[in-house]
Amino acid sequence: MNGSRYYGVRVEGAKYGVGFGSALAIAISYTNNHSILWAIIDGIFGWIYVVFFALFR
């Protein structure tokens, strides 16, 4: 019974809002590019953009 409750909590948590990686990517992208379009695109990629920025900037 604990397993099903844990699974329910994980699913509910995933349904709400934007993830931290996406929010971080949007903030970094908008700060660098000053473009809402690029911020949205980079927010979709999330952690991939954050790692790219950390490695190559």
PDB file of N, CA and C in Angstrom:
ATOM      1  N   MET A   1       0.817  -1.192   0.000  1.00  0.00           N
ATOM      2  CA  MET A   1       0.000   0.000   0.000  1.00  0.00           C
ATOM      3  C   MET A   1       0.864   1.261   0.000  1.00  0.00           C
ATOM      4  N   ASN A   2       2.008   1.250   0.644  1.00  0.00           N
ATOM      5  CA  ASN A   2       2.874   2.423   0.630  1.00  0.00           C
ATOM      6  C   ASN A   2       3.418   2.696  -0.767  1.00  0.00           C
ATOM      7  N   GLY A   3       3.661   1.634  -1.527  1.00  0.00           N
ATOM      8  CA  GLY A   3       4.175   1.822  -2.878  1.00  0.00           C
ATOM      9  C   GLY A   3       3.208   2.581  -3.759  1.00  0.00           C
ATOM     10  N   SER A   4       1.913   2.275  -3.670  1.00  0.00           N
ATOM     11  CA  SER A   4       0.947   2.970  -4.511  1.00  0.00           C
ATOM     12  C   SER A   4       0.768   4.419  -4.070  1.00  0.00           C
ATOM     13  N   ARG A   5       0.855   4.682  -2.788  1.00  0.00           N
ATOM     14  CA  ARG A   5       0.743   6.066  -2.304  1.00  0.00           C
ATOM     15  C   ARG A   5       1.936   6.889  -2.768  1.00  0.00           C
ATOM     16  N   TYR A   6       3.128   6.316  -2.705  1.00  0.00           N
ATOM     17  CA  TYR A   6       4.332   7.006  -3.161  1.00  0.00           C
ATOM     18  C   TYR A   6       4.220   7.311  -4.656  1.00  0.00           C
ATOM     19  N   TYR A   7       3.728   6.370  -5.425  1.00  0.00           N
ATOM     20  CA  TYR A   7       3.569   6.576  -6.855  1.00  0.00           C
ATOM     21  C   TYR A   7       2.573   7.702  -7.133  1.00  0.00           C
ATOM     22  N   GLY A   8       1.491   7.760  -6.389  1.00  0.00           N
ATOM     23  CA  GLY A   8       0.495   8.813  -6.564  1.00  0.00           C
ATOM     24  C   GLY A   8       1.066  10.181  -6.267  1.00  0.00           C
ATOM     25  N   VAL A   9       1.894  10.284  -5.263  1.00  0.00           N
ATOM     26  CA  VAL A   9       2.512  11.563  -4.919  1.00  0.00           C
ATOM     27  C   VAL A   9       3.476  11.981  -6.014  1.00  0.00           C
ATOM     28  N   ARG A  10       4.236  11.043  -6.564  1.00  0.00           N
ATOM     29  CA  ARG A  10       5.181  11.369  -7.630  1.00  0.00           C
ATOM     30  C   ARG A  10       4.457  11.851  -8.883  1.00  0.00           C
ATOM     31  N   VAL A  11       3.362  11.232  -9.239  1.00  0.00           N
ATOM     32  CA  VAL A  11       2.612  11.640 -10.423  1.00  0.00           C
ATOM     33  C   VAL A  11       2.002  13.014 -10.219  1.00  0.00           C
ATOM     34  N   GLU A  12       1.428  13.272  -9.049  1.00  0.00           N
ATOM     35  CA  GLU A  12       0.831  14.585  -8.769  1.00  0.00           C
ATOM     36  C   GLU A  12       1.900  15.671  -8.808  1.00  0.00           C
ATOM     37  N   GLY A  13       3.066  15.399  -8.276  1.00  0.00           N
ATOM     38  CA  GLY A  13       4.131  16.401  -8.273  1.00  0.00           C
ATOM     39  C   GLY A  13       4.616  16.733  -9.663  1.00  0.00           C
ATOM     40  N   ALA A  14       4.579  15.775 -10.566  1.00  0.00           N
ATOM     41  CA  ALA A  14       5.058  16.005 -11.925  1.00  0.00           C
ATOM     42  C   ALA A  14       4.062  16.787 -12.761  1.00  0.00           C
ATOM     43  N   LYS A  15       2.797  16.840 -12.359  1.00  0.00           N
ATOM     44  CA  LYS A  15       1.784  17.510 -13.164  1.00  0.00           C
ATOM     45  C   LYS A  15       1.814  19.025 -13.024  1.00  0.00           C
ATOM     46  N   TYR A  16       2.341  19.554 -11.937  1.00  0.00           N
ATOM     47  CA  TYR A  16       2.216  20.978 -11.659  1.00  0.00           C
ATOM     48  C   TYR A  16       3.449  21.758 -12.092  1.00  0.00           C
ATOM     49  N   GLY A  17       3.209  22.852 -12.821  1.00  0.00           N
ATOM     50  CA  GLY A  17       4.226  23.852 -13.085  1.00  0.00           C
ATOM     51  C   GLY A  17       5.386  23.409 -13.949  1.00  0.00           C
ATOM     52  N   VAL A  18       6.372  24.294 -13.981  1.00  0.00           N
ATOM     53  CA  VAL A  18       7.578  24.065 -14.754  1.00  0.00           C
ATOM     54  C   VAL A  18       8.622  23.500 -13.823  1.00  0.00           C
ATOM     55  N   GLY A  19       9.471  22.656 -14.338  1.00  0.00           N
ATOM     56  CA  GLY A  19      10.549  22.101 -13.535  1.00  0.00           C
ATOM     57  C   GLY A  19      11.622  23.141 -13.268  1.00  0.00           C
ATOM     58  N   PHE A  20      12.457  22.855 -12.303  1.00  0.00           N
ATOM     59  CA  PHE A  20      13.523  23.788 -11.945  1.00  0.00           C
ATOM     60  C   PHE A  20      14.495  23.980 -13.103  1.00  0.00           C
ATOM     61  N   GLY A  21      14.798  22.915 -13.832  1.00  0.00           N
ATOM     62  CA  GLY A  21      15.711  23.023 -14.969  1.00  0.00           C
ATOM     63  C   GLY A  21      15.172  23.930 -16.053  1.00  0.00           C
ATOM     64  N   SER A  22      13.880  23.833 -16.322  1.00  0.00           N
ATOM     65  CA  SER A  22      13.279  24.694 -17.334  1.00  0.00           C
ATOM     66  C   SER A  22      13.274  26.148 -16.892  1.00  0.00           C
ATOM     67  N   ALA A  23      12.939  26.398 -15.644  1.00  0.00           N
ATOM     68  CA  ALA A  23      12.924  27.771 -15.138  1.00  0.00           C
ATOM     69  C   ALA A  23      14.327  28.370 -15.153  1.00  0.00           C
ATOM     70  N   LEU A  24      15.314  27.575 -14.798  1.00  0.00           N
ATOM     71  CA  LEU A  24      16.697  28.047 -14.819  1.00  0.00           C
ATOM     72  C   LEU A  24      17.148  28.336 -16.251  1.00  0.00           C
ATOM     73  N   ALA A  25      16.792  27.459 -17.175  1.00  0.00           N
ATOM     74  CA  ALA A  25      17.146  27.671 -18.581  1.00  0.00           C
ATOM     75  C   ALA A  25      16.495  28.934 -19.127  1.00  0.00           C
ATOM     76  N   ILE A  26      15.253  29.177 -18.769  1.00  0.00           N
ATOM     77  CA  ILE A  26      14.562  30.383 -19.235  1.00  0.00           C
ATOM     78  C   ILE A  26      15.249  31.631 -18.679  1.00  0.00           C
ATOM     79  N   ALA A  27      15.593  31.612 -17.416  1.00  0.00           N
ATOM     80  CA  ALA A  27      16.245  32.778 -16.807  1.00  0.00           C
ATOM     81  C   ALA A  27      17.611  33.051 -17.434  1.00  0.00           C
ATOM     82  N   ILE A  28      18.404  32.004 -17.629  1.00  0.00           N
ATOM     83  CA  ILE A  28      19.729  32.178 -18.236  1.00  0.00           C
ATOM     84  C   ILE A  28      19.597  32.668 -19.668  1.00  0.00           C
ATOM     85  N   SER A  29      18.693  32.057 -20.421  1.00  0.00           N
ATOM     86  CA  SER A  29      18.523  32.419 -21.822  1.00  0.00           C
ATOM     87  C   SER A  29      18.056  33.858 -21.978  1.00  0.00           C
ATOM     88  N   TYR A  30      17.088  34.275 -21.183  1.00  0.00           N
ATOM     89  CA  TYR A  30      16.587  35.646 -21.320  1.00  0.00           C
ATOM     90  C   TYR A  30      17.644  36.665 -20.896  1.00  0.00           C
ATOM     91  N   THR A  31      18.437  36.320 -19.888  1.00  0.00           N
ATOM     92  CA  THR A  31      19.498  37.225 -19.446  1.00  0.00           C
ATOM     93  C   THR A  31      20.541  37.414 -20.545  1.00  0.00           C
ATOM     94  N   ASN A  32      20.872  36.351 -21.250  1.00  0.00           N
ATOM     95  CA  ASN A  32      21.901  36.436 -22.289  1.00  0.00           C
ATOM     96  C   ASN A  32      21.375  36.976 -23.609  1.00  0.00           C
ATOM     97  N   ASN A  33      20.196  36.540 -24.040  1.00  0.00           N
ATOM     98  CA  ASN A  33      19.711  36.872 -25.379  1.00  0.00           C
ATOM     99  C   ASN A  33      18.711  38.017 -25.411  1.00  0.00           C
ATOM    100  N   HIS A  34      18.069  38.318 -24.303  1.00  0.00           N
ATOM    101  CA  HIS A  34      17.010  39.330 -24.229  1.00  0.00           C
ATOM    102  C   HIS A  34      15.918  39.068 -25.263  1.00  0.00           C
ATOM    103  N   SER A  35      15.571  37.782 -25.411  1.00  0.00           N
ATOM    104  CA  SER A  35      14.558  37.382 -26.375  1.00  0.00           C
ATOM    105  C   SER A  35      13.603  36.391 -25.712  1.00  0.00           C
ATOM    106  N   ILE A  36      12.324  36.712 -25.754  1.00  0.00           N
ATOM    107  CA  ILE A  36      11.332  35.813 -25.157  1.00  0.00           C
ATOM    108  C   ILE A  36      11.223  34.525 -25.963  1.00  0.00           C
ATOM    109  N   LEU A  37      11.337  34.612 -27.288  1.00  0.00           N
ATOM    110  CA  LEU A  37      11.258  33.424 -28.134  1.00  0.00           C
ATOM    111  C   LEU A  37      12.364  32.431 -27.799  1.00  0.00           C
ATOM    112  N   TRP A  38      13.606  32.911 -27.689  1.00  0.00           N
ATOM    113  CA  TRP A  38      14.711  32.014 -27.341  1.00  0.00           C
ATOM    114  C   TRP A  38      14.565  31.484 -25.919  1.00  0.00           C
ATOM    115  N   ALA A  39      14.010  32.282 -25.029  1.00  0.00           N
ATOM    116  CA  ALA A  39      13.791  31.814 -23.657  1.00  0.00           C
ATOM    117  C   ALA A  39      12.796  30.661 -23.635  1.00  0.00           C
ATOM    118  N   ILE A  40      11.751  30.750 -24.441  1.00  0.00           N
ATOM    119  CA  ILE A  40      10.769  29.662 -24.504  1.00  0.00           C
ATOM    120  C   ILE A  40      11.398  28.407 -25.101  1.00  0.00           C
ATOM    121  N   ILE A  41      12.133  28.584 -26.193  1.00  0.00           N
ATOM    122  CA  ILE A  41      12.778  27.429 -26.837  1.00  0.00           C
ATOM    123  C   ILE A  41      13.766  26.761 -25.888  1.00  0.00           C
ATOM    124  N   ASP A  42      14.603  27.554 -25.221  1.00  0.00           N
ATOM    125  CA  ASP A  42      15.570  26.988 -24.285  1.00  0.00           C
ATOM    126  C   ASP A  42      14.885  26.394 -23.063  1.00  0.00           C
ATOM    127  N   GLY A  43      13.736  26.935 -22.671  1.00  0.00           N
ATOM    128  CA  GLY A  43      12.980  26.361 -21.565  1.00  0.00           C
ATOM    129  C   GLY A  43      12.454  24.978 -21.890  1.00  0.00           C
ATOM    130  N   ILE A  44      12.133  24.746 -23.146  1.00  0.00           N
ATOM    131  CA  ILE A  44      11.684  23.415 -23.558  1.00  0.00           C
ATOM    132  C   ILE A  44      12.816  22.399 -23.403  1.00  0.00           C
ATOM    133  N   PHE A  45      14.032  22.812 -23.737  1.00  0.00           N
ATOM    134  CA  PHE A  45      15.174  21.902 -23.605  1.00  0.00           C
ATOM    135  C   PHE A  45      15.635  21.745 -22.163  1.00  0.00           C
ATOM    136  N   GLY A  46      15.359  22.706 -21.311  1.00  0.00           N
ATOM    137  CA  GLY A  46      15.616  22.602 -19.878  1.00  0.00           C
ATOM    138  C   GLY A  46      17.068  22.381 -19.516  1.00  0.00           C
ATOM    139  N   TRP A  47      17.338  21.251 -18.843  1.00  0.00           N
ATOM    140  CA  TRP A  47      18.670  20.966 -18.321  1.00  0.00           C
ATOM    141  C   TRP A  47      19.709  20.849 -19.423  1.00  0.00           C
ATOM    142  N   ILE A  48      19.305  20.480 -20.634  1.00  0.00           N
ATOM    143  CA  ILE A  48      20.268  20.384 -21.741  1.00  0.00           C
ATOM    144  C   ILE A  48      20.882  21.762 -22.002  1.00  0.00           C
ATOM    145  N   TYR A  49      20.052  22.792 -22.018  1.00  0.00           N
ATOM    146  CA  TYR A  49      20.569  24.145 -22.235  1.00  0.00           C
ATOM    147  C   TYR A  49      21.420  24.609 -21.054  1.00  0.00           C
ATOM    148  N   VAL A  50      21.015  24.273 -19.846  1.00  0.00           N
ATOM    149  CA  VAL A  50      21.783  24.690 -18.666  1.00  0.00           C
ATOM    150  C   VAL A  50      23.184  24.080 -18.702  1.00  0.00           C
ATOM    151  N   VAL A  51      23.288  22.801 -19.042  1.00  0.00           N
ATOM    152  CA  VAL A  51      24.600  22.144 -19.115  1.00  0.00           C
ATOM    153  C   VAL A  51      25.409  22.729 -20.259  1.00  0.00           C
ATOM    154  N   PHE A  52      24.763  22.978 -21.413  1.00  0.00           N
ATOM    155  CA  PHE A  52      25.452  23.596 -22.539  1.00  0.00           C
ATOM    156  C   PHE A  52      26.018  24.962 -22.146  1.00  0.00           C
ATOM    157  N   PHE A  53      25.220  25.758 -21.470  1.00  0.00           N
ATOM    158  CA  PHE A  53      25.657  27.082 -21.041  1.00  0.00           C
ATOM    159  C   PHE A  53      26.840  26.976 -20.067  1.00  0.00           C
ATOM    160  N   ALA A  54      26.767  26.026 -19.149  1.00  0.00           N
ATOM    161  CA  ALA A  54      27.850  25.873 -18.167  1.00  0.00           C
ATOM    162  C   ALA A  54      29.153  25.418 -18.825  1.00  0.00           C
ATOM    163  N   LEU A  55      29.068  24.615 -19.855  1.00  0.00           N
ATOM    164  CA  LEU A  55      30.273  24.096 -20.486  1.00  0.00           C
ATOM    165  C   LEU A  55      30.900  25.071 -21.481  1.00  0.00           C
ATOM    166  N   PHE A  56      30.079  25.796 -22.228  1.00  0.00           N
ATOM    167  CA  PHE A  56      30.594  26.580 -23.332  1.00  0.00           C
ATOM    168  C   PHE A  56      30.527  28.089 -23.159  1.00  0.00           C
ATOM    169  N   ARG A  57      30.071  28.582 -22.051  1.00  0.00           N
ATOM    170  CA  ARG A  57      30.031  30.033 -21.836  1.00  0.00           C
ATOM    171  C   ARG A  57      30.940  30.435 -20.726  1.00  0.00           C
TER     172      ARG A  57
END
